[in-house]
């Protein structure tokens, strides 16, 4: 007798396999360098904040990277980067908002509007940068038929 598996389980297994392959493309050193480059000017006071901020920023970077890699399939089949970004606009917005909320929680200055706005724009650029990197690496894997 054979084991009956559902299509949903098979898709999830395939997605997990693809994500594992894509995560091999990431380096912790690169993640840390980008976190420092983006958020060091905003949170340069205390080492405790840096350690706890790094963890949350890494999580969001990985999610944005995988989101870009997931949508790279459409770029491989001829869709422009702009159109592909429109497809995942909601998911990207959720990642930006999650990172913004996380950083505002750790913000040392409270409710200063200008500071909050700069945090938001930094989060937006950070997520978009990781999304594009995931998109490019995923598209490369599709071109090399490694998906």
C-alpha atoms as a PDB file:
ATOM      1  CA  UNK A   1       0.000   0.000   0.000  1.00  0.00           C
ATOM      2  CA  UNK A   2       1.157   3.484  -0.739  1.00  0.00           C
ATOM      3  CA  UNK A   3       0.829   6.507   1.494  1.00  0.00           C
ATOM      4  CA  UNK A   4      -1.664   9.106   0.373  1.00  0.00           C
ATOM      5  CA  UNK A   5      -0.383  12.666   0.636  1.00  0.00           C
ATOM      6  CA  UNK A   6      -2.317  15.770  -0.128  1.00  0.00           C
ATOM      7  CA  UNK A   7      -1.339  18.328  -2.708  1.00  0.00           C
ATOM      8  CA  UNK A   8      -1.102  20.934   0.046  1.00  0.00           C
ATOM      9  CA  UNK A   9       1.527  18.892   1.904  1.00  0.00           C
ATOM     10  CA  UNK A  10       3.504  18.322  -1.281  1.00  0.00           C
ATOM     11  CA  UNK A  11       3.491  22.049  -2.117  1.00  0.00           C
ATOM     12  CA  UNK A  12       4.611  22.950   1.380  1.00  0.00           C
ATOM     13  CA  UNK A  13       7.425  20.403   1.206  1.00  0.00           C
ATOM     14  CA  UNK A  14       8.560  21.809  -2.145  1.00  0.00           C
ATOM     15  CA  UNK A  15       8.426  25.377  -0.806  1.00  0.00           C
ATOM     16  CA  UNK A  16      10.499  24.435   2.242  1.00  0.00           C
ATOM     17  CA  UNK A  17      13.066  22.748   0.025  1.00  0.00           C
ATOM     18  CA  UNK A  18      13.327  25.845  -2.195  1.00  0.00           C
ATOM     19  CA  UNK A  19      13.653  28.137   0.822  1.00  0.00           C
ATOM     20  CA  UNK A  20      16.463  25.990   2.249  1.00  0.00           C
ATOM     21  CA  UNK A  21      18.296  26.209  -1.067  1.00  0.00           C
ATOM     22  CA  UNK A  22      17.858  29.980  -1.185  1.00  0.00           C
ATOM     23  CA  UNK A  23      19.050  30.443   2.390  1.00  0.00           C
ATOM     24  CA  UNK A  24      22.358  28.892   1.393  1.00  0.00           C
ATOM     25  CA  UNK A  25      22.908  32.050  -0.641  1.00  0.00           C
ATOM     26  CA  UNK A  26      22.821  34.242   2.481  1.00  0.00           C
ATOM     27  CA  UNK A  27      25.734  35.026   4.744  1.00  0.00           C
ATOM     28  CA  UNK A  28      25.456  36.138   8.367  1.00  0.00           C
ATOM     29  CA  UNK A  29      28.346  38.539   7.847  1.00  0.00           C
ATOM     30  CA  UNK A  30      26.523  40.258   4.991  1.00  0.00           C
ATOM     31  CA  UNK A  31      23.350  40.431   7.100  1.00  0.00           C
ATOM     32  CA  UNK A  32      25.208  42.046  10.005  1.00  0.00           C
ATOM     33  CA  UNK A  33      27.022  44.530   7.749  1.00  0.00           C
ATOM     34  CA  UNK A  34      23.768  45.690   6.179  1.00  0.00           C
ATOM     35  CA  UNK A  35      22.075  45.993   9.557  1.00  0.00           C
ATOM     36  CA  UNK A  36      24.929  48.163  10.760  1.00  0.00           C
ATOM     37  CA  UNK A  37      24.884  50.215   7.579  1.00  0.00           C
ATOM     38  CA  UNK A  38      21.157  50.926   7.792  1.00  0.00           C
ATOM     39  CA  UNK A  39      20.467  51.141  11.507  1.00  0.00           C
ATOM     40  CA  UNK A  40      23.743  52.100  13.200  1.00  0.00           C
ATOM     41  CA  UNK A  41      23.112  55.845  12.754  1.00  0.00           C
ATOM     42  CA  UNK A  42      19.640  55.540  14.273  1.00  0.00           C
ATOM     43  CA  UNK A  43      20.537  53.311  17.219  1.00  0.00           C
ATOM     44  CA  UNK A  44      24.137  53.996  18.141  1.00  0.00           C
ATOM     45  CA  UNK A  45      23.804  54.516  21.890  1.00  0.00           C
ATOM     46  CA  UNK A  46      23.583  51.239  23.737  1.00  0.00           C
ATOM     47  CA  UNK A  47      25.020  47.791  23.019  1.00  0.00           C
ATOM     48  CA  UNK A  48      21.984  45.999  24.460  1.00  0.00           C
ATOM     49  CA  UNK A  49      19.760  47.668  21.905  1.00  0.00           C
ATOM     50  CA  UNK A  50      22.112  46.698  19.108  1.00  0.00           C
ATOM     51  CA  UNK A  51      22.034  43.022  20.055  1.00  0.00           C
ATOM     52  CA  UNK A  52      18.248  42.857  20.329  1.00  0.00           C
ATOM     53  CA  UNK A  53      17.745  44.978  17.220  1.00  0.00           C
ATOM     54  CA  UNK A  54      20.028  42.772  15.175  1.00  0.00           C
ATOM     55  CA  UNK A  55      17.917  39.701  15.807  1.00  0.00           C
ATOM     56  CA  UNK A  56      14.649  41.292  14.656  1.00  0.00           C
ATOM     57  CA  UNK A  57      16.280  42.936  11.650  1.00  0.00           C
ATOM     58  CA  UNK A  58      17.755  39.612  10.576  1.00  0.00           C
ATOM     59  CA  UNK A  59      14.346  37.951  10.738  1.00  0.00           C
ATOM     60  CA  UNK A  60      12.791  40.602   8.525  1.00  0.00           C
ATOM     61  CA  UNK A  61      15.751  40.524   6.118  1.00  0.00           C
ATOM     62  CA  UNK A  62      15.406  36.768   5.706  1.00  0.00           C
ATOM     63  CA  UNK A  63      11.654  37.044   5.142  1.00  0.00           C
ATOM     64  CA  UNK A  64      12.115  39.821   2.560  1.00  0.00           C
ATOM     65  CA  UNK A  65      14.866  37.837   0.842  1.00  0.00           C
ATOM     66  CA  UNK A  66      12.661  34.742   0.618  1.00  0.00           C
ATOM     67  CA  UNK A  67       9.718  36.824  -0.585  1.00  0.00           C
ATOM     68  CA  UNK A  68      11.824  38.249  -3.403  1.00  0.00           C
ATOM     69  CA  UNK A  69      13.135  34.787  -4.257  1.00  0.00           C
ATOM     70  CA  UNK A  70       9.602  33.401  -4.323  1.00  0.00           C
ATOM     71  CA  UNK A  71       8.443  36.074  -6.767  1.00  0.00           C
ATOM     72  CA  UNK A  72      11.564  35.786  -8.944  1.00  0.00           C
ATOM     73  CA  UNK A  73       9.788  33.123 -10.953  1.00  0.00           C
ATOM     74  CA  UNK A  74       7.656  35.823 -12.558  1.00  0.00           C
ATOM     75  CA  UNK A  75      10.743  37.810 -13.495  1.00  0.00           C
ATOM     76  CA  UNK A  76      12.278  34.734 -15.070  1.00  0.00           C
ATOM     77  CA  UNK A  77       9.202  34.294 -17.248  1.00  0.00           C
ATOM     78  CA  UNK A  78       9.463  37.852 -18.589  1.00  0.00           C
ATOM     79  CA  UNK A  79       7.667  40.128 -16.162  1.00  0.00           C
ATOM     80  CA  UNK A  80       9.420  43.374 -15.306  1.00  0.00           C
ATOM     81  CA  UNK A  81      10.710  44.068 -11.804  1.00  0.00           C
ATOM     82  CA  UNK A  82       8.144  46.849 -11.398  1.00  0.00           C
ATOM     83  CA  UNK A  83       5.207  44.556 -12.205  1.00  0.00           C
ATOM     84  CA  UNK A  84       6.512  41.813  -9.942  1.00  0.00           C
ATOM     85  CA  UNK A  85       6.845  44.321  -7.097  1.00  0.00           C
ATOM     86  CA  UNK A  86       3.191  45.240  -7.588  1.00  0.00           C
ATOM     87  CA  UNK A  87       2.245  41.576  -7.139  1.00  0.00           C
ATOM     88  CA  UNK A  88       3.761  41.353  -3.683  1.00  0.00           C
ATOM     89  CA  UNK A  89       3.088  44.905  -2.538  1.00  0.00           C
ATOM     90  CA  UNK A  90       0.898  43.805   0.393  1.00  0.00           C
ATOM     91  CA  UNK A  91       3.378  41.260   1.734  1.00  0.00           C
ATOM     92  CA  UNK A  92       6.222  43.760   1.431  1.00  0.00           C
ATOM     93  CA  UNK A  93       4.171  46.397   3.240  1.00  0.00           C
ATOM     94  CA  UNK A  94       3.511  43.948   6.081  1.00  0.00           C
ATOM     95  CA  UNK A  95       7.246  43.313   6.449  1.00  0.00           C
ATOM     96  CA  UNK A  96       8.007  47.048   6.461  1.00  0.00           C
ATOM     97  CA  UNK A  97       5.334  47.704   9.076  1.00  0.00           C
ATOM     98  CA  UNK A  98       6.511  44.817  11.249  1.00  0.00           C
ATOM     99  CA  UNK A  99      10.087  46.074  11.203  1.00  0.00           C
ATOM    100  CA  UNK A 100       8.967  49.648  11.843  1.00  0.00           C
ATOM    101  CA  UNK A 101       6.877  48.608  14.844  1.00  0.00           C
ATOM    102  CA  UNK A 102       9.735  46.529  16.174  1.00  0.00           C
ATOM    103  CA  UNK A 103      12.210  49.409  15.866  1.00  0.00           C
ATOM    104  CA  UNK A 104       9.795  51.952  17.324  1.00  0.00           C
ATOM    105  CA  UNK A 105       9.457  49.713  20.348  1.00  0.00           C
ATOM    106  CA  UNK A 106      13.227  49.867  20.843  1.00  0.00           C
ATOM    107  CA  UNK A 107      13.473  53.542  19.909  1.00  0.00           C
ATOM    108  CA  UNK A 108      15.303  55.598  22.544  1.00  0.00           C
ATOM    109  CA  UNK A 109      13.654  58.895  21.649  1.00  0.00           C
ATOM    110  CA  UNK A 110       9.961  58.085  21.914  1.00  0.00           C
ATOM    111  CA  UNK A 111       7.447  59.984  19.803  1.00  0.00           C
ATOM    112  CA  UNK A 112       9.518  62.505  17.897  1.00  0.00           C
ATOM    113  CA  UNK A 113       7.844  62.715  14.501  1.00  0.00           C
ATOM    114  CA  UNK A 114      10.947  63.374  12.438  1.00  0.00           C
ATOM    115  CA  UNK A 115      12.804  60.511  14.074  1.00  0.00           C
ATOM    116  CA  UNK A 116       9.858  58.133  13.580  1.00  0.00           C
ATOM    117  CA  UNK A 117       9.607  59.128   9.927  1.00  0.00           C
ATOM    118  CA  UNK A 118      13.298  58.495   9.324  1.00  0.00           C
ATOM    119  CA  UNK A 119      12.941  55.065  10.934  1.00  0.00           C
ATOM    120  CA  UNK A 120      10.063  54.248   8.591  1.00  0.00           C
ATOM    121  CA  UNK A 121      11.944  55.283   5.452  1.00  0.00           C
ATOM    122  CA  UNK A 122      14.990  53.334   6.583  1.00  0.00           C
ATOM    123  CA  UNK A 123      12.833  50.245   7.164  1.00  0.00           C
ATOM    124  CA  UNK A 124      11.246  50.656   3.762  1.00  0.00           C
ATOM    125  CA  UNK A 125      14.606  50.883   2.009  1.00  0.00           C
ATOM    126  CA  UNK A 126      16.016  47.972   4.025  1.00  0.00           C
ATOM    127  CA  UNK A 127      13.141  45.635   3.136  1.00  0.00           C
ATOM    128  CA  UNK A 128      13.191  46.682  -0.511  1.00  0.00           C
ATOM    129  CA  UNK A 129      16.937  46.111  -0.705  1.00  0.00           C
ATOM    130  CA  UNK A 130      16.634  42.585   0.688  1.00  0.00           C
ATOM    131  CA  UNK A 131      13.623  41.870  -1.525  1.00  0.00           C
ATOM    132  CA  UNK A 132      15.578  42.873  -4.622  1.00  0.00           C
ATOM    133  CA  UNK A 133      18.569  40.789  -3.576  1.00  0.00           C
ATOM    134  CA  UNK A 134      16.333  37.752  -3.104  1.00  0.00           C
ATOM    135  CA  UNK A 135      14.681  38.458  -6.437  1.00  0.00           C
ATOM    136  CA  UNK A 136      18.025  38.623  -8.238  1.00  0.00           C
ATOM    137  CA  UNK A 137      19.401  35.476  -6.596  1.00  0.00           C
ATOM    138  CA  UNK A 138      16.158  33.591  -7.245  1.00  0.00           C
ATOM    139  CA  UNK A 139      16.064  34.689 -10.860  1.00  0.00           C
ATOM    140  CA  UNK A 140      19.669  33.546 -11.231  1.00  0.00           C
ATOM    141  CA  UNK A 141      18.752  30.123  -9.816  1.00  0.00           C
ATOM    142  CA  UNK A 142      15.873  29.878 -12.299  1.00  0.00           C
ATOM    143  CA  UNK A 143      18.173  30.794 -15.194  1.00  0.00           C
ATOM    144  CA  UNK A 144      20.651  28.132 -14.100  1.00  0.00           C
ATOM    145  CA  UNK A 145      17.759  25.682 -13.619  1.00  0.00           C
ATOM    146  CA  UNK A 146      18.608  25.120  -9.956  1.00  0.00           C
ATOM    147  CA  UNK A 147      15.085  25.660  -8.614  1.00  0.00           C
END
